[in-house]
mmCIF file of all heavy atoms, coordinates in Angstrom:
data_MODEL
# 
_entry.id   MODEL 
# 
loop_
_atom_site.group_PDB 
_atom_site.id 
_atom_site.type_symbol 
_atom_site.label_atom_id 
_atom_site.label_alt_id 
_atom_site.label_comp_id 
_atom_site.label_asym_id 
_atom_site.label_entity_id 
_atom_site.label_seq_id 
_atom_site.pdbx_PDB_ins_code 
_atom_site.Cartn_x 
_atom_site.Cartn_y 
_atom_site.Cartn_z 
_atom_site.occupancy 
_atom_site.B_iso_or_equiv 
_atom_site.pdbx_formal_charge 
_atom_site.auth_seq_id 
_atom_site.auth_comp_id 
_atom_site.auth_asym_id 
_atom_site.auth_atom_id 
_atom_site.pdbx_PDB_model_num 
ATOM 1   N N   . LYS A 1 1  ? -4.809  -2.198  -15.956 1.00 0.00 ? 1  LYS A N   1 
ATOM 2   C CA  . LYS A 1 1  ? -6.094  -2.411  -15.294 1.00 0.00 ? 1  LYS A CA  1 
ATOM 3   C C   . LYS A 1 1  ? -7.077  -1.289  -15.632 1.00 0.00 ? 1  LYS A C   1 
ATOM 4   O O   . LYS A 1 1  ? -8.282  -1.527  -15.793 1.00 0.00 ? 1  LYS A O   1 
ATOM 5   C CB  . LYS A 1 1  ? -5.897  -2.472  -13.777 1.00 0.00 ? 1  LYS A CB  1 
ATOM 6   C CG  . LYS A 1 1  ? -5.030  -3.624  -13.288 1.00 0.00 ? 1  LYS A CG  1 
ATOM 7   C CD  . LYS A 1 1  ? -5.731  -4.948  -13.417 1.00 0.00 ? 1  LYS A CD  1 
ATOM 8   C CE  . LYS A 1 1  ? -4.893  -6.064  -12.823 1.00 0.00 ? 1  LYS A CE  1 
ATOM 9   N NZ  . LYS A 1 1  ? -5.529  -7.394  -13.004 1.00 0.00 ? 1  LYS A NZ  1 
ATOM 10  N N   . LEU A 1 2  ? -6.549  -0.073  -15.755 1.00 0.00 ? 2  LEU A N   1 
ATOM 11  C CA  . LEU A 1 2  ? -7.396  1.070   -16.108 1.00 0.00 ? 2  LEU A CA  1 
ATOM 12  C C   . LEU A 1 2  ? -7.992  0.893   -17.498 1.00 0.00 ? 2  LEU A C   1 
ATOM 13  O O   . LEU A 1 2  ? -9.176  1.156   -17.715 1.00 0.00 ? 2  LEU A O   1 
ATOM 14  C CB  . LEU A 1 2  ? -6.580  2.365   -16.037 1.00 0.00 ? 2  LEU A CB  1 
ATOM 15  C CG  . LEU A 1 2  ? -7.317  3.664   -16.364 1.00 0.00 ? 2  LEU A CG  1 
ATOM 16  C CD1 . LEU A 1 2  ? -8.426  3.928   -15.345 1.00 0.00 ? 2  LEU A CD1 1 
ATOM 17  C CD2 . LEU A 1 2  ? -6.341  4.835   -16.401 1.00 0.00 ? 2  LEU A CD2 1 
ATOM 18  N N   . PHE A 1 3  ? -7.172  0.400   -18.437 1.00 0.00 ? 3  PHE A N   1 
ATOM 19  C CA  . PHE A 1 3  ? -7.659  0.158   -19.795 1.00 0.00 ? 3  PHE A CA  1 
ATOM 20  C C   . PHE A 1 3  ? -8.733  -0.933  -19.804 1.00 0.00 ? 3  PHE A C   1 
ATOM 21  O O   . PHE A 1 3  ? -9.737  -0.816  -20.500 1.00 0.00 ? 3  PHE A O   1 
ATOM 22  C CB  . PHE A 1 3  ? -6.498  -0.250  -20.708 1.00 0.00 ? 3  PHE A CB  1 
ATOM 23  C CG  . PHE A 1 3  ? -5.897  0.903   -21.455 1.00 0.00 ? 3  PHE A CG  1 
ATOM 24  C CD1 . PHE A 1 3  ? -4.653  1.391   -21.121 1.00 0.00 ? 3  PHE A CD1 1 
ATOM 25  C CD2 . PHE A 1 3  ? -6.592  1.505   -22.493 1.00 0.00 ? 3  PHE A CD2 1 
ATOM 26  C CE1 . PHE A 1 3  ? -4.101  2.460   -21.794 1.00 0.00 ? 3  PHE A CE1 1 
ATOM 27  C CE2 . PHE A 1 3  ? -6.038  2.572   -23.189 1.00 0.00 ? 3  PHE A CE2 1 
ATOM 28  C CZ  . PHE A 1 3  ? -4.796  3.061   -22.841 1.00 0.00 ? 3  PHE A CZ  1 
ATOM 29  N N   . LEU A 1 4  ? -8.511  -1.984  -19.034 1.00 0.00 ? 4  LEU A N   1 
ATOM 30  C CA  . LEU A 1 4  ? -9.501  -3.062  -18.968 1.00 0.00 ? 4  LEU A CA  1 
ATOM 31  C C   . LEU A 1 4  ? -10.827 -2.546  -18.416 1.00 0.00 ? 4  LEU A C   1 
ATOM 32  O O   . LEU A 1 4  ? -11.888 -3.072  -18.738 1.00 0.00 ? 4  LEU A O   1 
ATOM 33  C CB  . LEU A 1 4  ? -8.978  -4.199  -18.088 1.00 0.00 ? 4  LEU A CB  1 
ATOM 34  C CG  . LEU A 1 4  ? -7.766  -4.965  -18.618 1.00 0.00 ? 4  LEU A CG  1 
ATOM 35  C CD1 . LEU A 1 4  ? -7.318  -6.003  -17.606 1.00 0.00 ? 4  LEU A CD1 1 
ATOM 36  C CD2 . LEU A 1 4  ? -8.086  -5.627  -19.947 1.00 0.00 ? 4  LEU A CD2 1 
ATOM 37  N N   . TYR A 1 5  ? -10.732 -1.516  -17.575 1.00 0.00 ? 5  TYR A N   1 
ATOM 38  C CA  . TYR A 1 5  ? -11.932 -0.937  -16.963 1.00 0.00 ? 5  TYR A CA  1 
ATOM 39  C C   . TYR A 1 5  ? -12.695 -0.017  -17.921 1.00 0.00 ? 5  TYR A C   1 
ATOM 40  O O   . TYR A 1 5  ? -13.922 -0.053  -17.989 1.00 0.00 ? 5  TYR A O   1 
ATOM 41  C CB  . TYR A 1 5  ? -11.532 -0.173  -15.704 1.00 0.00 ? 5  TYR A CB  1 
ATOM 42  C CG  . TYR A 1 5  ? -12.636 0.661   -15.094 1.00 0.00 ? 5  TYR A CG  1 
ATOM 43  C CD1 . TYR A 1 5  ? -13.848 0.092   -14.713 1.00 0.00 ? 5  TYR A CD1 1 
ATOM 44  C CD2 . TYR A 1 5  ? -12.467 2.030   -14.910 1.00 0.00 ? 5  TYR A CD2 1 
ATOM 45  C CE1 . TYR A 1 5  ? -14.865 0.856   -14.160 1.00 0.00 ? 5  TYR A CE1 1 
ATOM 46  C CE2 . TYR A 1 5  ? -13.480 2.803   -14.353 1.00 0.00 ? 5  TYR A CE2 1 
ATOM 47  C CZ  . TYR A 1 5  ? -14.675 2.208   -13.989 1.00 0.00 ? 5  TYR A CZ  1 
ATOM 48  O OH  . TYR A 1 5  ? -15.678 2.967   -13.452 1.00 0.00 ? 5  TYR A OH  1 
ATOM 49  N N   . ILE A 1 6  ? -11.961 0.795   -18.692 1.00 0.00 ? 6  ILE A N   1 
ATOM 50  C CA  . ILE A 1 6  ? -12.620 1.823   -19.500 1.00 0.00 ? 6  ILE A CA  1 
ATOM 51  C C   . ILE A 1 6  ? -12.864 1.412   -20.957 1.00 0.00 ? 6  ILE A C   1 
ATOM 52  O O   . ILE A 1 6  ? -13.711 2.000   -21.625 1.00 0.00 ? 6  ILE A O   1 
ATOM 53  C CB  . ILE A 1 6  ? -11.823 3.142   -19.489 1.00 0.00 ? 6  ILE A CB  1 
ATOM 54  C CG1 . ILE A 1 6  ? -10.451 2.966   -20.139 1.00 0.00 ? 6  ILE A CG1 1 
ATOM 55  C CG2 . ILE A 1 6  ? -11.692 3.664   -18.075 1.00 0.00 ? 6  ILE A CG2 1 
ATOM 56  C CD1 . ILE A 1 6  ? -9.662  4.249   -20.238 1.00 0.00 ? 6  ILE A CD1 1 
ATOM 57  N N   . VAL A 1 7  ? -12.117 0.397   -21.439 1.00 0.00 ? 7  VAL A N   1 
ATOM 58  C CA  . VAL A 1 7  ? -12.233 0.018   -22.849 1.00 0.00 ? 7  VAL A CA  1 
ATOM 59  C C   . VAL A 1 7  ? -13.237 -1.115  -22.996 1.00 0.00 ? 7  VAL A C   1 
ATOM 60  O O   . VAL A 1 7  ? -13.241 -2.061  -22.206 1.00 0.00 ? 7  VAL A O   1 
ATOM 61  C CB  . VAL A 1 7  ? -10.860 -0.408  -23.411 1.00 0.00 ? 7  VAL A CB  1 
ATOM 62  C CG1 . VAL A 1 7  ? -11.005 -0.885  -24.860 1.00 0.00 ? 7  VAL A CG1 1 
ATOM 63  C CG2 . VAL A 1 7  ? -9.881  0.756   -23.352 1.00 0.00 ? 7  VAL A CG2 1 
ATOM 64  N N   . ASP A 1 8  ? -14.079 -1.023  -24.030 1.00 0.00 ? 8  ASP A N   1 
ATOM 65  C CA  . ASP A 1 8  ? -15.065 -2.067  -24.298 1.00 0.00 ? 8  ASP A CA  1 
ATOM 66  C C   . ASP A 1 8  ? -14.374 -3.325  -24.791 1.00 0.00 ? 8  ASP A C   1 
ATOM 67  O O   . ASP A 1 8  ? -13.311 -3.274  -25.413 1.00 0.00 ? 8  ASP A O   1 
ATOM 68  C CB  . ASP A 1 8  ? -16.077 -1.598  -25.349 1.00 0.00 ? 8  ASP A CB  1 
ATOM 69  C CG  . ASP A 1 8  ? -16.935 -0.456  -24.838 1.00 0.00 ? 8  ASP A CG  1 
ATOM 70  O OD1 . ASP A 1 8  ? -17.157 -0.399  -23.612 1.00 0.00 ? 8  ASP A OD1 1 
ATOM 71  O OD2 . ASP A 1 8  ? -17.376 0.366   -25.668 1.00 0.00 ? 8  ASP A OD2 1 
ATOM 72  N N   . GLY A 1 9  ? -15.006 -4.463  -24.542 1.00 0.00 ? 9  GLY A N   1 
ATOM 73  C CA  . GLY A 1 9  ? -14.474 -5.732  -25.010 1.00 0.00 ? 9  GLY A CA  1 
ATOM 74  C C   . GLY A 1 9  ? -14.254 -6.692  -23.865 1.00 0.00 ? 9  GLY A C   1 
ATOM 75  O O   . GLY A 1 9  ? -14.376 -6.342  -22.700 1.00 0.00 ? 9  GLY A O   1 
ATOM 76  N N   . ASP A 1 10 ? -13.922 -7.927  -24.218 1.00 0.00 ? 10 ASP A N   1 
ATOM 77  C CA  . ASP A 1 10 ? -13.707 -8.970  -23.216 1.00 0.00 ? 10 ASP A CA  1 
ATOM 78  C C   . ASP A 1 10 ? -12.359 -8.772  -22.547 1.00 0.00 ? 10 ASP A C   1 
ATOM 79  O O   . ASP A 1 10 ? -11.326 -8.640  -23.218 1.00 0.00 ? 10 ASP A O   1 
ATOM 80  C CB  . ASP A 1 10 ? -13.765 -10.351 -23.884 1.00 0.00 ? 10 ASP A CB  1 
ATOM 81  C CG  . ASP A 1 10 ? -13.627 -11.477 -22.873 1.00 0.00 ? 10 ASP A CG  1 
ATOM 82  O OD1 . ASP A 1 10 ? -14.563 -11.689 -22.099 1.00 0.00 ? 10 ASP A OD1 1 
ATOM 83  O OD2 . ASP A 1 10 ? -12.563 -12.115 -22.860 1.00 0.00 ? 10 ASP A OD2 1 
ATOM 84  N N   . SER A 1 11 ? -12.334 -8.754  -21.234 1.00 0.00 ? 11 SER A N   1 
ATOM 85  C CA  . SER A 1 11 ? -11.109 -8.482  -20.488 1.00 0.00 ? 11 SER A CA  1 
ATOM 86  C C   . SER A 1 11 ? -10.062 -9.555  -20.685 1.00 0.00 ? 11 SER A C   1 
ATOM 87  O O   . SER A 1 11 ? -8.867  -9.264  -20.725 1.00 0.00 ? 11 SER A O   1 
ATOM 88  C CB  . SER A 1 11 ? -11.422 -8.327  -18.989 1.00 0.00 ? 11 SER A CB  1 
ATOM 89  O OG  . SER A 1 11 ? -11.978 -9.505  -18.477 1.00 0.00 ? 11 SER A OG  1 
ATOM 90  N N   . SER A 1 12 ? -10.473 -10.809 -20.818 1.00 0.00 ? 12 SER A N   1 
ATOM 91  C CA  . SER A 1 12 ? -9.513  -11.894 -20.992 1.00 0.00 ? 12 SER A CA  1 
ATOM 92  C C   . SER A 1 12 ? -8.791  -11.775 -22.324 1.00 0.00 ? 12 SER A C   1 
ATOM 93  O O   . SER A 1 12 ? -7.591  -12.038 -22.430 1.00 0.00 ? 12 SER A O   1 
ATOM 94  C CB  . SER A 1 12 ? -10.218 -13.254 -20.893 1.00 0.00 ? 12 SER A CB  1 
ATOM 95  O OG  . SER A 1 12 ? -11.207 -13.376 -21.904 1.00 0.00 ? 12 SER A OG  1 
ATOM 96  N N   . ASP A 1 13 ? -9.544  -11.358 -23.377 1.00 0.00 ? 13 ASP A N   1 
ATOM 97  C CA  . ASP A 1 13 ? -8.914  -11.158 -24.686 1.00 0.00 ? 13 ASP A CA  1 
ATOM 98  C C   . ASP A 1 13 ? -7.924  -10.006 -24.639 1.00 0.00 ? 13 ASP A C   1 
ATOM 99  O O   . ASP A 1 13 ? -6.837  -10.067 -25.233 1.00 0.00 ? 13 ASP A O   1 
ATOM 100 C CB  . ASP A 1 13 ? -9.978  -10.865 -25.758 1.00 0.00 ? 13 ASP A CB  1 
ATOM 101 C CG  . ASP A 1 13 ? -10.847 -12.079 -26.056 1.00 0.00 ? 13 ASP A CG  1 
ATOM 102 O OD1 . ASP A 1 13 ? -10.402 -13.208 -25.748 1.00 0.00 ? 13 ASP A OD1 1 
ATOM 103 O OD2 . ASP A 1 13 ? -11.966 -11.893 -26.572 1.00 0.00 ? 13 ASP A OD2 1 
ATOM 104 N N   . GLN A 1 14 ? -8.284  -8.945  -23.938 1.00 0.00 ? 14 GLN A N   1 
ATOM 105 C CA  . GLN A 1 14 ? -7.389  -7.793  -23.831 1.00 0.00 ? 14 GLN A CA  1 
ATOM 106 C C   . GLN A 1 14 ? -6.130  -8.156  -23.056 1.00 0.00 ? 14 GLN A C   1 
ATOM 107 O O   . GLN A 1 14 ? -5.040  -7.660  -23.352 1.00 0.00 ? 14 GLN A O   1 
ATOM 108 C CB  . GLN A 1 14 ? -8.123  -6.633  -23.154 1.00 0.00 ? 14 GLN A CB  1 
ATOM 109 C CG  . GLN A 1 14 ? -9.240  -6.054  -24.003 1.00 0.00 ? 14 GLN A CG  1 
ATOM 110 C CD  . GLN A 1 14 ? -9.997  -4.955  -23.284 1.00 0.00 ? 14 GLN A CD  1 
ATOM 111 O OE1 . GLN A 1 14 ? -9.437  -4.187  -22.514 1.00 0.00 ? 14 GLN A OE1 1 
ATOM 112 N NE2 . GLN A 1 14 ? -11.282 -4.877  -23.534 1.00 0.00 ? 14 GLN A NE2 1 
ATOM 113 N N   . GLU A 1 15 ? -6.260  -9.016  -22.062 1.00 0.00 ? 15 GLU A N   1 
ATOM 114 C CA  . GLU A 1 15 ? -5.090  -9.472  -21.302 1.00 0.00 ? 15 GLU A CA  1 
ATOM 115 C C   . GLU A 1 15 ? -4.131  -10.215 -22.222 1.00 0.00 ? 15 GLU A C   1 
ATOM 116 O O   . GLU A 1 15 ? -2.922  -10.017 -22.175 1.00 0.00 ? 15 GLU A O   1 
ATOM 117 C CB  . GLU A 1 15 ? -5.544  -10.402 -20.160 1.00 0.00 ? 15 GLU A CB  1 
ATOM 118 C CG  . GLU A 1 15 ? -6.246  -9.699  -19.032 1.00 0.00 ? 15 GLU A CG  1 
ATOM 119 C CD  . GLU A 1 15 ? -5.293  -9.181  -17.985 1.00 0.00 ? 15 GLU A CD  1 
ATOM 120 O OE1 . GLU A 1 15 ? -4.074  -9.351  -18.165 1.00 0.00 ? 15 GLU A OE1 1 
ATOM 121 O OE2 . GLU A 1 15 ? -5.756  -8.601  -16.997 1.00 0.00 ? 15 GLU A OE2 1 
ATOM 122 N N   . GLU A 1 16 ? -4.678  -11.102 -23.072 1.00 0.00 ? 16 GLU A N   1 
ATOM 123 C CA  . GLU A 1 16 ? -3.846  -11.905 -23.942 1.00 0.00 ? 16 GLU A CA  1 
ATOM 124 C C   . GLU A 1 16 ? -3.201  -11.077 -25.043 1.00 0.00 ? 16 GLU A C   1 
ATOM 125 O O   . GLU A 1 16 ? -2.088  -11.349 -25.488 1.00 0.00 ? 16 GLU A O   1 
ATOM 126 C CB  . GLU A 1 16 ? -4.695  -13.018 -24.566 1.00 0.00 ? 16 GLU A CB  1 
ATOM 127 C CG  . GLU A 1 16 ? -5.170  -14.059 -23.548 1.00 0.00 ? 16 GLU A CG  1 
ATOM 128 C CD  . GLU A 1 16 ? -6.083  -15.097 -24.179 1.00 0.00 ? 16 GLU A CD  1 
ATOM 129 O OE1 . GLU A 1 16 ? -6.323  -14.992 -25.407 1.00 0.00 ? 16 GLU A OE1 1 
ATOM 130 O OE2 . GLU A 1 16 ? -6.556  -15.988 -23.460 1.00 0.00 ? 16 GLU A OE2 1 
ATOM 131 N N   . ASN A 1 17 ? -3.916  -10.021 -25.509 1.00 0.00 ? 17 ASN A N   1 
ATOM 132 C CA  . ASN A 1 17 ? -3.418  -9.203  -26.614 1.00 0.00 ? 17 ASN A CA  1 
ATOM 133 C C   . ASN A 1 17 ? -2.651  -7.974  -26.144 1.00 0.00 ? 17 ASN A C   1 
ATOM 134 O O   . ASN A 1 17 ? -2.388  -7.068  -26.918 1.00 0.00 ? 17 ASN A O   1 
ATOM 135 C CB  . ASN A 1 17 ? -4.597  -8.756  -27.501 1.00 0.00 ? 17 ASN A CB  1 
ATOM 136 C CG  . ASN A 1 17 ? -5.304  -9.945  -28.143 1.00 0.00 ? 17 ASN A CG  1 
ATOM 137 O OD1 . ASN A 1 17 ? -4.670  -10.943 -28.472 1.00 0.00 ? 17 ASN A OD1 1 
ATOM 138 N ND2 . ASN A 1 17 ? -6.623  -9.835  -28.301 1.00 0.00 ? 17 ASN A ND2 1 
ATOM 139 N N   . ASP A 1 18 ? -2.317  -7.921  -24.877 1.00 0.00 ? 18 ASP A N   1 
ATOM 140 C CA  . ASP A 1 18 ? -1.596  -6.776  -24.327 1.00 0.00 ? 18 ASP A CA  1 
ATOM 141 C C   . ASP A 1 18 ? -0.224  -6.662  -24.988 1.00 0.00 ? 18 ASP A C   1 
ATOM 142 O O   . ASP A 1 18 ? 0.594   -7.581  -24.889 1.00 0.00 ? 18 ASP A O   1 
ATOM 143 C CB  . ASP A 1 18 ? -1.429  -6.963  -22.817 1.00 0.00 ? 18 ASP A CB  1 
ATOM 144 C CG  . ASP A 1 18 ? -0.694  -5.795  -22.188 1.00 0.00 ? 18 ASP A CG  1 
ATOM 145 O OD1 . ASP A 1 18 ? -1.048  -4.649  -22.504 1.00 0.00 ? 18 ASP A OD1 1 
ATOM 146 O OD2 . ASP A 1 18 ? 0.226   -6.043  -21.390 1.00 0.00 ? 18 ASP A OD2 1 
ATOM 147 N N   . PRO A 1 19 ? 0.066   -5.557  -25.688 1.00 0.00 ? 19 PRO A N   1 
ATOM 148 C CA  . PRO A 1 19 ? 1.344   -5.410  -26.393 1.00 0.00 ? 19 PRO A CA  1 
ATOM 149 C C   . PRO A 1 19 ? 2.510   -5.181  -25.432 1.00 0.00 ? 19 PRO A C   1 
ATOM 150 O O   . PRO A 1 19 ? 2.581   -4.156  -24.763 1.00 0.00 ? 19 PRO A O   1 
ATOM 151 C CB  . PRO A 1 19 ? 1.107   -4.189  -27.290 1.00 0.00 ? 19 PRO A CB  1 
ATOM 152 C CG  . PRO A 1 19 ? 0.043   -3.401  -26.588 1.00 0.00 ? 19 PRO A CG  1 
ATOM 153 C CD  . PRO A 1 19 ? -0.814  -4.395  -25.865 1.00 0.00 ? 19 PRO A CD  1 
ATOM 154 N N   . GLN A 1 20 ? 3.426   -6.140  -25.388 1.00 0.00 ? 20 GLN A N   1 
ATOM 155 C CA  . GLN A 1 20 ? 4.553   -6.036  -24.476 1.00 0.00 ? 20 GLN A CA  1 
ATOM 156 C C   . GLN A 1 20 ? 5.493   -4.890  -24.857 1.00 0.00 ? 20 GLN A C   1 
ATOM 157 O O   . GLN A 1 20 ? 6.048   -4.221  -23.986 1.00 0.00 ? 20 GLN A O   1 
ATOM 158 C CB  . GLN A 1 20 ? 5.322   -7.364  -24.460 1.00 0.00 ? 20 GLN A CB  1 
ATOM 159 C CG  . GLN A 1 20 ? 4.539   -8.522  -23.862 1.00 0.00 ? 20 GLN A CG  1 
ATOM 160 C CD  . GLN A 1 20 ? 4.171   -8.279  -22.405 1.00 0.00 ? 20 GLN A CD  1 
ATOM 161 O OE1 . GLN A 1 20 ? 4.968   -7.769  -21.630 1.00 0.00 ? 20 GLN A OE1 1 
ATOM 162 N NE2 . GLN A 1 20 ? 2.949   -8.634  -22.037 1.00 0.00 ? 20 GLN A NE2 1 
ATOM 163 N N   . VAL A 1 21 ? 5.681   -4.676  -26.170 1.00 0.00 ? 21 VAL A N   1 
ATOM 164 C CA  . VAL A 1 21 ? 6.573   -3.601  -26.621 1.00 0.00 ? 21 VAL A CA  1 
ATOM 165 C C   . VAL A 1 21 ? 6.047   -2.245  -26.146 1.00 0.00 ? 21 VAL A C   1 
ATOM 166 O O   . VAL A 1 21 ? 6.809   -1.400  -25.668 1.00 0.00 ? 21 VAL A O   1 
ATOM 167 C CB  . VAL A 1 21 ? 6.711   -3.617  -28.156 1.00 0.00 ? 21 VAL A CB  1 
ATOM 168 C CG1 . VAL A 1 21 ? 7.529   -2.411  -28.625 1.00 0.00 ? 21 VAL A CG1 1 
ATOM 169 C CG2 . VAL A 1 21 ? 7.378   -4.899  -28.619 1.00 0.00 ? 21 VAL A CG2 1 
ATOM 170 N N   . GLY A 1 22 ? 4.734   -2.055  -26.254 1.00 0.00 ? 22 GLY A N   1 
ATOM 171 C CA  . GLY A 1 22 ? 4.129   -0.805  -25.807 1.00 0.00 ? 22 GLY A CA  1 
ATOM 172 C C   . GLY A 1 22 ? 4.316   -0.582  -24.329 1.00 0.00 ? 22 GLY A C   1 
ATOM 173 O O   . GLY A 1 22 ? 4.556   0.550   -23.876 1.00 0.00 ? 22 GLY A O   1 
ATOM 174 N N   . ARG A 1 23 ? 4.226   -1.654  -23.536 1.00 0.00 ? 23 ARG A N   1 
ATOM 175 C CA  . ARG A 1 23 ? 4.408   -1.532  -22.091 1.00 0.00 ? 23 ARG A CA  1 
ATOM 176 C C   . ARG A 1 23 ? 5.848   -1.158  -21.763 1.00 0.00 ? 23 ARG A C   1 
ATOM 177 O O   . ARG A 1 23 ? 6.092   -0.344  -20.868 1.00 0.00 ? 23 ARG A O   1 
ATOM 178 C CB  . ARG A 1 23 ? 4.044   -2.848  -21.402 1.00 0.00 ? 23 ARG A CB  1 
ATOM 179 C CG  . ARG A 1 23 ? 2.570   -3.194  -21.468 1.00 0.00 ? 23 ARG A CG  1 
ATOM 180 C CD  . ARG A 1 23 ? 2.251   -4.437  -20.687 1.00 0.00 ? 23 ARG A CD  1 
ATOM 181 N NE  . ARG A 1 23 ? 2.363   -4.198  -19.253 1.00 0.00 ? 23 ARG A NE  1 
ATOM 182 C CZ  . ARG A 1 23 ? 2.279   -5.146  -18.335 1.00 0.00 ? 23 ARG A CZ  1 
ATOM 183 N NH1 . ARG A 1 23 ? 2.121   -6.405  -18.698 1.00 0.00 ? 23 ARG A NH1 1 
ATOM 184 N NH2 . ARG A 1 23 ? 2.370   -4.863  -17.051 1.00 0.00 ? 23 ARG A NH2 1 
ATOM 185 N N   . ILE A 1 24 ? 6.798   -1.747  -22.480 1.00 0.00 ? 24 ILE A N   1 
ATOM 186 C CA  . ILE A 1 24 ? 8.215   -1.435  -22.241 1.00 0.00 ? 24 ILE A CA  1 
ATOM 187 C C   . ILE A 1 24 ? 8.501   0.022   -22.601 1.00 0.00 ? 24 ILE A C   1 
ATOM 188 O O   . ILE A 1 24 ? 9.215   0.727   -21.880 1.00 0.00 ? 24 ILE A O   1 
ATOM 189 C CB  . ILE A 1 24 ? 9.121   -2.386  -23.043 1.00 0.00 ? 24 ILE A CB  1 
ATOM 190 C CG1 . ILE A 1 24 ? 8.989   -3.809  -22.484 1.00 0.00 ? 24 ILE A CG1 1 
ATOM 191 C CG2 . ILE A 1 24 ? 10.576  -1.930  -22.971 1.00 0.00 ? 24 ILE A CG2 1 
ATOM 192 C CD1 . ILE A 1 24 ? 9.722   -4.861  -23.290 1.00 0.00 ? 24 ILE A CD1 1 
ATOM 193 N N   . ILE A 1 25 ? 7.932   0.476   -23.726 1.00 0.00 ? 25 ILE A N   1 
ATOM 194 C CA  . ILE A 1 25 ? 8.100   1.878   -24.124 1.00 0.00 ? 25 ILE A CA  1 
ATOM 195 C C   . ILE A 1 25 ? 7.558   2.799   -23.037 1.00 0.00 ? 25 ILE A C   1 
ATOM 196 O O   . ILE A 1 25 ? 8.182   3.803   -22.673 1.00 0.00 ? 25 ILE A O   1 
ATOM 197 C CB  . ILE A 1 25 ? 7.392   2.152   -25.468 1.00 0.00 ? 25 ILE A CB  1 
ATOM 198 C CG1 . ILE A 1 25 ? 8.112   1.438   -26.604 1.00 0.00 ? 25 ILE A CG1 1 
ATOM 199 C CG2 . ILE A 1 25 ? 7.331   3.665   -25.745 1.00 0.00 ? 25 ILE A CG2 1 
ATOM 200 C CD1 . ILE A 1 25 ? 7.398   1.508   -27.937 1.00 0.00 ? 25 ILE A CD1 1 
ATOM 201 N N   . GLY A 1 26 ? 6.392   2.453   -22.508 1.00 0.00 ? 26 GLY A N   1 
ATOM 202 C CA  . GLY A 1 26 ? 5.798   3.257   -21.439 1.00 0.00 ? 26 GLY A CA  1 
ATOM 203 C C   . GLY A 1 26 ? 6.655   3.286   -20.195 1.00 0.00 ? 26 GLY A C   1 
ATOM 204 O O   . GLY A 1 26 ? 6.806   4.336   -19.545 1.00 0.00 ? 26 GLY A O   1 
ATOM 205 N N   . LYS A 1 27 ? 7.234   2.147   -19.833 1.00 0.00 ? 27 LYS A N   1 
ATOM 206 C CA  . LYS A 1 27 ? 8.102   2.073   -18.650 1.00 0.00 ? 27 LYS A CA  1 
ATOM 207 C C   . LYS A 1 27 ? 9.338   2.957   -18.818 1.00 0.00 ? 27 LYS A C   1 
ATOM 208 O O   . LYS A 1 27 ? 9.688   3.734   -17.921 1.00 0.00 ? 27 LYS A O   1 
ATOM 209 C CB  . LYS A 1 27 ? 8.538   0.630   -18.401 1.00 0.00 ? 27 LYS A CB  1 
ATOM 210 C CG  . LYS A 1 27 ? 7.430   -0.299  -17.964 1.00 0.00 ? 27 LYS A CG  1 
ATOM 211 C CD  . LYS A 1 27 ? 7.940   -1.728  -17.852 1.00 0.00 ? 27 LYS A CD  1 
ATOM 212 C CE  . LYS A 1 27 ? 6.843   -2.686  -17.426 1.00 0.00 ? 27 LYS A CE  1 
ATOM 213 N NZ  . LYS A 1 27 ? 7.333   -4.086  -17.328 1.00 0.00 ? 27 LYS A NZ  1 
# 
C-alpha cells in the first residue's frame, strides 16, 4: 500500500504487476 501511495502510475496496474516472488523474499 505504501508503494501504491508513493510510486507514480496507475494503482490497478501496480496491483496486477505486484511480484509475488519479491513479496515472499521480503516476508
